[in-house]
Amino acid sequence: MTDSRLPALSSSDALDRADHSSPAVSADQQALMDEMPATGPEEEPSFSISLDEAADVFIATKDGIEFGGVVFAEKDDRVLLLATSILPEFRGKGLAAALTRRVLDMLHAEGKSVTVKCPVFRSFVQHHPEYAARLDHQPGRDPDDDV
């Protein structure tokens, strides 16, 4: 993203930090996770999503401002969702849940296999279990081995 107020996080940085344990959730992540239960599709805010292929980031833009993004890694038709970031002044407006929903819907429509490492996406799926079937769940297999 071009907005310097968002934490710089590349997909390679996130892959380096993605281990098999559950890392502690930051205050920023918790703020986004707190939005998940309250937002439904009928309350969908208006914004656009673009893909920055060079950085492996879905970028969310509202009124000309890049307010958030989702860092991912992709190999073939498999996508590993790593981290979500929303500028503080855009939080609490349903944008985190809407961005999460739209990314999952978009990847599903493209026939992609999706694995979630991002705690924001995990929280969304916990509060919206209808999305759980869209995730790659293969018992006994570490999904990180493929990305």
Protein backbone atom coordinates (compact mmCIF):
# COMPACT_ATOMS: atom_id res chain seq x y z
CA MET A 1 0.00 0.00 0.00
CA THR A 2 1.12 3.49 -0.57
CA ASP A 3 -0.21 4.90 2.70
CA SER A 4 2.71 5.03 5.14
CA ARG A 5 0.37 4.90 8.14
CA LEU A 6 -0.31 1.21 7.54
CA PRO A 7 2.25 -1.21 8.97
CA ALA A 8 4.62 -2.39 6.29
CA LEU A 9 4.19 -6.12 5.90
CA SER A 10 5.18 -8.08 2.88
CA SER A 11 4.02 -11.62 2.20
CA SER A 12 7.59 -12.89 2.63
CA ASP A 13 7.81 -11.21 6.06
CA ALA A 14 4.52 -12.79 7.04
CA LEU A 15 5.58 -16.20 5.75
CA ASP A 16 8.78 -15.96 7.77
CA ARG A 17 6.73 -15.25 10.91
CA ALA A 18 3.95 -17.77 10.18
CA ASP A 19 4.70 -20.72 12.36
CA HIS A 20 2.55 -23.58 13.53
CA SER A 21 1.62 -22.02 16.85
CA SER A 22 -1.07 -19.43 17.50
CA PRO A 23 0.69 -16.09 17.93
CA ALA A 24 -0.61 -13.55 20.39
CA VAL A 25 -3.22 -11.22 18.92
CA SER A 26 -2.20 -7.56 18.78
CA ALA A 27 -4.47 -4.73 19.90
CA ASP A 28 -4.91 -3.72 16.24
CA GLN A 29 -5.94 -7.26 15.27
CA GLN A 30 -8.32 -7.44 18.24
CA ALA A 31 -9.97 -4.17 17.19
CA LEU A 32 -10.66 -5.68 13.75
CA MET A 33 -11.81 -8.99 15.22
CA ASP A 34 -14.30 -7.12 17.43
CA GLU A 35 -16.10 -5.96 14.25
CA MET A 36 -16.83 -9.48 13.01
CA PRO A 37 -19.98 -10.48 14.92
CA ALA A 38 -21.89 -7.24 14.32
CA THR A 39 -21.70 -6.93 10.56
CA GLY A 40 -23.92 -8.63 8.01
CA PRO A 41 -24.17 -8.39 4.22
CA GLU A 42 -27.18 -6.07 4.42
CA GLU A 43 -24.92 -3.47 6.08
CA GLU A 44 -22.20 -3.72 3.42
CA PRO A 45 -20.23 -0.46 3.12
CA SER A 46 -19.16 0.84 -0.28
CA PHE A 47 -15.49 0.46 -1.27
CA SER A 48 -13.35 -1.19 -3.93
CA ILE A 49 -10.72 -3.92 -3.81
CA SER A 50 -7.74 -4.10 -6.13
CA LEU A 51 -4.87 -6.54 -6.35
CA ASP A 52 -1.25 -5.49 -5.98
CA GLU A 53 0.34 -8.54 -7.59
CA ALA A 54 3.89 -7.38 -6.92
CA ALA A 55 3.27 -7.18 -3.17
CA ASP A 56 0.68 -10.00 -2.85
CA VAL A 57 -1.82 -7.67 -1.21
CA PHE A 58 -5.53 -7.08 -1.77
CA ILE A 59 -5.94 -3.31 -1.32
CA ALA A 60 -9.20 -1.76 -0.12
CA THR A 61 -9.98 1.80 -1.22
CA LYS A 62 -12.82 4.11 -0.16
CA ASP A 63 -13.28 7.63 -1.50
CA GLY A 64 -9.77 7.56 -3.02
CA ILE A 65 -8.07 6.49 0.22
CA GLU A 66 -6.33 3.13 0.61
CA PHE A 67 -7.69 2.24 4.03
CA GLY A 68 -6.84 -1.44 4.35
CA GLY A 69 -5.31 -4.53 2.92
CA VAL A 70 -4.97 -8.28 3.12
CA VAL A 71 -1.52 -9.83 2.71
CA PHE A 72 -1.47 -13.27 1.13
CA ALA A 73 0.76 -15.87 -0.49
CA GLU A 74 -0.35 -17.85 -3.54
CA LYS A 75 0.87 -20.92 -5.31
CA ASP A 76 -1.13 -22.39 -8.18
CA ASP A 77 -4.77 -22.23 -7.04
CA ARG A 78 -3.94 -22.12 -3.31
CA VAL A 79 -4.10 -18.89 -1.33
CA LEU A 80 -2.79 -18.48 2.21
CA LEU A 81 -4.37 -15.43 3.89
CA LEU A 82 -1.75 -14.03 6.25
CA ALA A 83 -2.66 -10.63 7.68
CA THR A 84 -5.30 -7.91 7.57
CA SER A 85 -4.75 -4.22 8.25
CA ILE A 86 -7.24 -1.32 8.44
CA LEU A 87 -6.30 2.28 9.19
CA PRO A 88 -7.53 3.21 12.70
CA GLU A 89 -9.86 5.98 11.47
CA PHE A 90 -11.67 3.44 9.28
CA ARG A 91 -12.29 0.91 12.05
CA GLY A 92 -15.67 0.34 13.66
CA LYS A 93 -17.52 0.99 10.38
CA GLY A 94 -17.92 -2.62 9.25
CA LEU A 95 -15.11 -2.32 6.72
CA ALA A 96 -12.96 -5.10 8.22
CA ALA A 97 -15.81 -7.62 8.06
CA ALA A 98 -16.83 -6.44 4.60
CA LEU A 99 -13.25 -6.72 3.32
CA THR A 100 -12.93 -10.19 4.81
CA ARG A 101 -16.24 -11.31 3.29
CA ARG A 102 -15.41 -9.89 -0.13
CA VAL A 103 -11.96 -11.48 -0.27
CA LEU A 104 -13.39 -14.88 0.69
CA ASP A 105 -16.23 -14.50 -1.83
CA MET A 106 -13.82 -13.44 -4.58
CA LEU A 107 -11.44 -16.35 -3.96
CA HIS A 108 -14.34 -18.79 -3.83
CA ALA A 109 -15.71 -17.48 -7.14
CA GLU A 110 -12.25 -17.96 -8.68
CA GLY A 111 -12.15 -21.58 -7.47
CA LYS A 112 -9.16 -20.99 -5.21
CA SER A 113 -8.31 -23.20 -2.25
CA VAL A 114 -8.05 -20.94 0.82
CA THR A 115 -6.09 -21.41 4.04
CA VAL A 116 -6.41 -18.85 6.83
CA LYS A 117 -3.51 -17.85 9.09
CA CYS A 118 -4.82 -14.32 9.75
CA PRO A 119 -6.62 -14.04 13.12
CA VAL A 120 -9.05 -11.49 11.64
CA PHE A 121 -10.18 -13.99 8.99
CA ARG A 122 -10.35 -16.75 11.63
CA SER A 123 -12.61 -14.58 13.76
CA PHE A 124 -14.82 -13.81 10.77
CA VAL A 125 -15.27 -17.51 9.98
CA GLN A 126 -16.04 -18.27 13.64
CA HIS A 127 -18.82 -15.67 13.58
CA HIS A 128 -19.98 -16.59 10.07
CA PRO A 129 -19.73 -20.41 9.97
CA GLU A 130 -21.27 -20.55 6.49
CA TYR A 131 -17.79 -19.55 5.24
CA ALA A 132 -16.01 -22.49 6.92
CA ALA A 133 -16.80 -24.80 4.00
CA ARG A 134 -14.83 -22.47 1.71
CA LEU A 135 -11.59 -23.07 3.60
CA ASP A 136 -9.04 -25.77 2.92
CA HIS A 137 -9.31 -28.29 5.78
CA GLN A 138 -7.29 -31.40 5.21
CA PRO A 139 -6.63 -33.25 8.48
CA GLY A 140 -3.08 -34.44 8.97
CA ARG A 141 -1.64 -32.07 6.36
CA ASP A 142 0.13 -28.82 7.03
CA PRO A 143 -1.24 -26.35 4.45
CA ASP A 144 1.89 -24.19 4.75
CA ASP A 145 3.93 -26.90 3.06
CA ASP A 146 2.39 -26.05 -0.31
CA VAL A 147 2.84 -22.27 -0.30
